[in-house]
């Protein structure tokens, strides 16, 4: 009987974890969002991270190098978010960061630390590769009715960050004034 439950727990972990990076995956994110909705609470913030021009890494260096960078990126993000939030690998070169409770000022500072840390070269073999990424931030993410709505909004905000020059973040309308005051 204990073996059966052990297998069930292993299967559930596999279902909710990205096999490459060992970060949470989209299934985990959707389940967590729906559980929060049932409890009538939500995430304070969701950040949608997308590497800029990552397809060029795969084309120039191969998918194995791209995979190594994704593993390093997930590891960096998990370290940075420890105690603040959760890291989810959504797909390919996209990550979602989830935050429950963090002050506005702490949040802005943490976003700046994430930008700086992720701009540090990723080592692949002996070769350092420097990559940039863009982040779309949705504050008050719990106010959305569906998982897809909040992801769509975060993706749209991230697209604005890319248009503004990449390697930065854009915060939806709730935080625009704080963002401008600190930058």
Protein backbone atom coordinates (compact mmCIF):
# COMPACT_ATOMS: atom_id res chain seq x y z
CA UNK A 1 0.00 0.00 0.00
CA UNK A 2 2.83 2.40 0.84
CA UNK A 3 4.41 1.68 -2.55
CA UNK A 4 1.14 2.56 -4.31
CA UNK A 5 0.94 5.94 -2.57
CA UNK A 6 4.60 6.55 -3.31
CA UNK A 7 3.91 6.00 -7.01
CA UNK A 8 0.88 8.29 -6.90
CA UNK A 9 2.97 11.05 -5.31
CA UNK A 10 5.72 10.53 -7.92
CA UNK A 11 3.18 10.72 -10.75
CA UNK A 12 1.65 13.89 -9.36
CA UNK A 13 5.12 15.48 -9.07
CA UNK A 14 5.84 14.53 -12.68
CA UNK A 15 2.53 16.04 -13.76
CA UNK A 16 3.24 19.36 -12.01
CA UNK A 17 6.99 19.73 -12.66
CA UNK A 18 8.90 20.70 -15.78
CA UNK A 19 11.12 17.74 -16.60
CA UNK A 20 14.03 19.85 -17.88
CA UNK A 21 14.34 22.57 -15.23
CA UNK A 22 12.58 20.93 -12.29
CA UNK A 23 10.57 24.15 -11.89
CA UNK A 24 6.81 24.03 -11.60
CA UNK A 25 4.99 23.72 -14.93
CA UNK A 26 1.85 25.05 -16.61
CA UNK A 27 -0.34 22.33 -15.03
CA UNK A 28 0.85 23.41 -11.59
CA UNK A 29 0.17 27.06 -12.42
CA UNK A 30 -3.34 26.37 -13.65
CA UNK A 31 -4.14 24.15 -10.65
CA UNK A 32 -2.81 26.75 -8.21
CA UNK A 33 -4.72 29.57 -9.90
CA UNK A 34 -7.96 27.57 -9.76
CA UNK A 35 -7.37 26.59 -6.12
CA UNK A 36 -6.82 30.25 -5.23
CA UNK A 37 -10.03 31.21 -7.04
CA UNK A 38 -11.97 28.63 -4.99
CA UNK A 39 -10.52 30.14 -1.81
CA UNK A 40 -11.48 33.62 -3.08
CA UNK A 41 -7.91 34.84 -3.08
CA UNK A 42 -5.35 35.34 -5.78
CA UNK A 43 -1.79 36.11 -6.56
CA UNK A 44 -0.67 39.61 -5.84
CA UNK A 45 1.51 39.64 -8.96
CA UNK A 46 2.37 37.52 -11.94
CA UNK A 47 5.46 38.19 -14.03
CA UNK A 48 5.74 36.79 -17.54
CA UNK A 49 9.43 36.42 -18.55
CA UNK A 50 10.45 35.75 -22.13
CA UNK A 51 14.05 35.62 -23.35
CA UNK A 52 14.76 38.00 -26.21
CA UNK A 53 15.80 36.29 -29.47
CA UNK A 54 16.31 32.93 -27.76
CA UNK A 55 15.65 31.08 -31.01
CA UNK A 56 19.04 32.38 -32.21
CA UNK A 57 20.73 30.50 -29.34
CA UNK A 58 19.13 27.25 -30.45
CA UNK A 59 20.00 27.89 -34.10
CA UNK A 60 23.60 28.98 -33.41
CA UNK A 61 24.58 26.66 -30.56
CA UNK A 62 22.03 23.86 -30.68
CA UNK A 63 19.12 22.80 -28.49
CA UNK A 64 21.38 21.17 -25.89
CA UNK A 65 22.96 24.56 -25.18
CA UNK A 66 19.50 26.14 -25.07
CA UNK A 67 18.41 23.49 -22.57
CA UNK A 68 21.44 24.19 -20.36
CA UNK A 69 20.57 27.89 -20.35
CA UNK A 70 16.97 27.11 -19.36
CA UNK A 71 18.25 24.96 -16.46
CA UNK A 72 20.57 27.77 -15.31
CA UNK A 73 17.82 30.38 -15.67
CA UNK A 74 15.36 28.34 -13.60
CA UNK A 75 18.01 27.80 -10.93
CA UNK A 76 18.80 31.52 -10.73
CA UNK A 77 15.14 32.45 -10.54
CA UNK A 78 14.43 29.90 -7.80
CA UNK A 79 17.28 31.31 -5.70
CA UNK A 80 16.14 34.91 -6.23
CA UNK A 81 12.50 34.15 -5.42
CA UNK A 82 13.14 31.99 -2.36
CA UNK A 83 10.80 33.34 0.29
CA UNK A 84 9.05 35.67 -2.15
CA UNK A 85 7.31 33.55 -4.75
CA UNK A 86 7.24 30.60 -7.11
CA UNK A 87 8.92 29.89 -10.46
CA UNK A 88 7.00 28.22 -13.27
CA UNK A 89 8.42 27.26 -16.64
CA UNK A 90 5.50 27.94 -18.94
CA UNK A 91 7.05 26.66 -22.17
CA UNK A 92 10.26 26.87 -24.19
CA UNK A 93 12.01 30.08 -23.03
CA UNK A 94 9.10 31.50 -21.02
CA UNK A 95 8.80 31.59 -17.25
CA UNK A 96 6.08 32.81 -14.92
CA UNK A 97 6.93 34.22 -11.49
CA UNK A 98 4.17 34.21 -8.88
CA UNK A 99 4.10 36.51 -5.85
CA UNK A 100 1.64 36.38 -2.98
CA UNK A 101 2.63 39.04 -0.50
CA UNK A 102 5.33 41.61 -1.15
CA UNK A 103 5.37 45.38 -0.75
CA UNK A 104 5.44 47.54 -3.85
CA UNK A 105 8.92 48.85 -3.08
CA UNK A 106 10.30 45.36 -2.34
CA UNK A 107 8.71 44.12 -5.53
CA UNK A 108 10.32 46.82 -7.70
CA UNK A 109 13.70 46.20 -6.07
CA UNK A 110 13.35 42.45 -6.66
CA UNK A 111 12.50 43.02 -10.34
CA UNK A 112 15.68 45.07 -10.70
CA UNK A 113 17.71 42.30 -9.01
CA UNK A 114 16.16 39.74 -11.37
CA UNK A 115 17.06 41.84 -14.41
CA UNK A 116 20.66 42.26 -13.17
CA UNK A 117 21.10 38.62 -12.19
CA UNK A 118 19.69 37.24 -15.40
CA UNK A 119 21.93 39.59 -17.41
CA UNK A 120 24.99 37.85 -15.92
CA UNK A 121 26.49 35.48 -18.50
CA UNK A 122 25.20 31.93 -18.62
CA UNK A 123 28.10 29.49 -18.82
CA UNK A 124 27.82 26.80 -21.44
CA UNK A 125 30.95 24.73 -21.24
CA UNK A 126 33.62 27.40 -20.96
CA UNK A 127 31.76 29.91 -23.08
CA UNK A 128 29.77 32.70 -21.41
CA UNK A 129 26.57 33.68 -23.21
CA UNK A 130 24.85 36.91 -22.27
CA UNK A 131 21.14 37.00 -22.94
CA UNK A 132 18.41 39.54 -22.38
CA UNK A 133 14.77 39.07 -21.59
CA UNK A 134 11.61 41.04 -21.14
CA UNK A 135 9.10 40.88 -18.30
CA UNK A 136 5.41 41.75 -18.30
CA UNK A 137 3.99 42.29 -14.82
CA UNK A 138 0.36 42.04 -13.79
CA UNK A 139 -0.36 43.32 -10.30
CA UNK A 140 -3.59 42.34 -8.55
CA UNK A 141 -3.61 39.14 -10.60
CA UNK A 142 -6.31 37.67 -8.37
CA UNK A 143 -8.87 40.03 -9.85
CA UNK A 144 -8.97 38.04 -13.11
CA UNK A 145 -11.70 35.45 -13.55
CA UNK A 146 -9.72 32.85 -15.47
CA UNK A 147 -6.21 31.54 -15.69
CA UNK A 148 -6.11 32.34 -19.42
CA UNK A 149 -7.19 35.96 -18.88
CA UNK A 150 -4.33 36.74 -16.50
CA UNK A 151 -1.80 34.96 -18.74
CA UNK A 152 -3.04 36.86 -21.79
CA UNK A 153 -2.75 40.18 -19.93
CA UNK A 154 0.76 39.35 -18.68
CA UNK A 155 1.80 38.31 -22.19
CA UNK A 156 0.45 41.59 -23.60
CA UNK A 157 2.34 43.62 -21.02
CA UNK A 158 5.51 41.63 -21.77
CA UNK A 159 5.11 42.47 -25.47
CA UNK A 160 5.12 46.16 -24.50
CA UNK A 161 8.41 45.58 -22.63
CA UNK A 162 9.90 44.05 -25.80
CA UNK A 163 8.74 47.03 -27.87
CA UNK A 164 10.32 49.42 -25.37
CA UNK A 165 13.75 47.99 -26.06
CA UNK A 166 13.94 44.57 -24.43
CA UNK A 167 15.88 43.58 -21.29
CA UNK A 168 13.42 45.42 -19.08
CA UNK A 169 10.04 45.09 -17.46
CA UNK A 170 6.71 46.83 -17.78
CA UNK A 171 4.12 46.85 -15.04
CA UNK A 172 0.42 47.04 -15.86
CA UNK A 173 -1.52 50.19 -15.08
CA UNK A 174 -1.70 49.66 -11.32
CA UNK A 175 2.05 50.15 -10.88
CA UNK A 176 3.01 52.49 -13.75
CA UNK A 177 3.41 55.51 -11.47
CA UNK A 178 5.63 53.68 -8.96
CA UNK A 179 7.71 52.23 -11.80
CA UNK A 180 8.28 55.63 -13.39
CA UNK A 181 9.19 57.23 -10.06
CA UNK A 182 11.87 54.62 -9.37
CA UNK A 183 13.43 54.52 -12.84
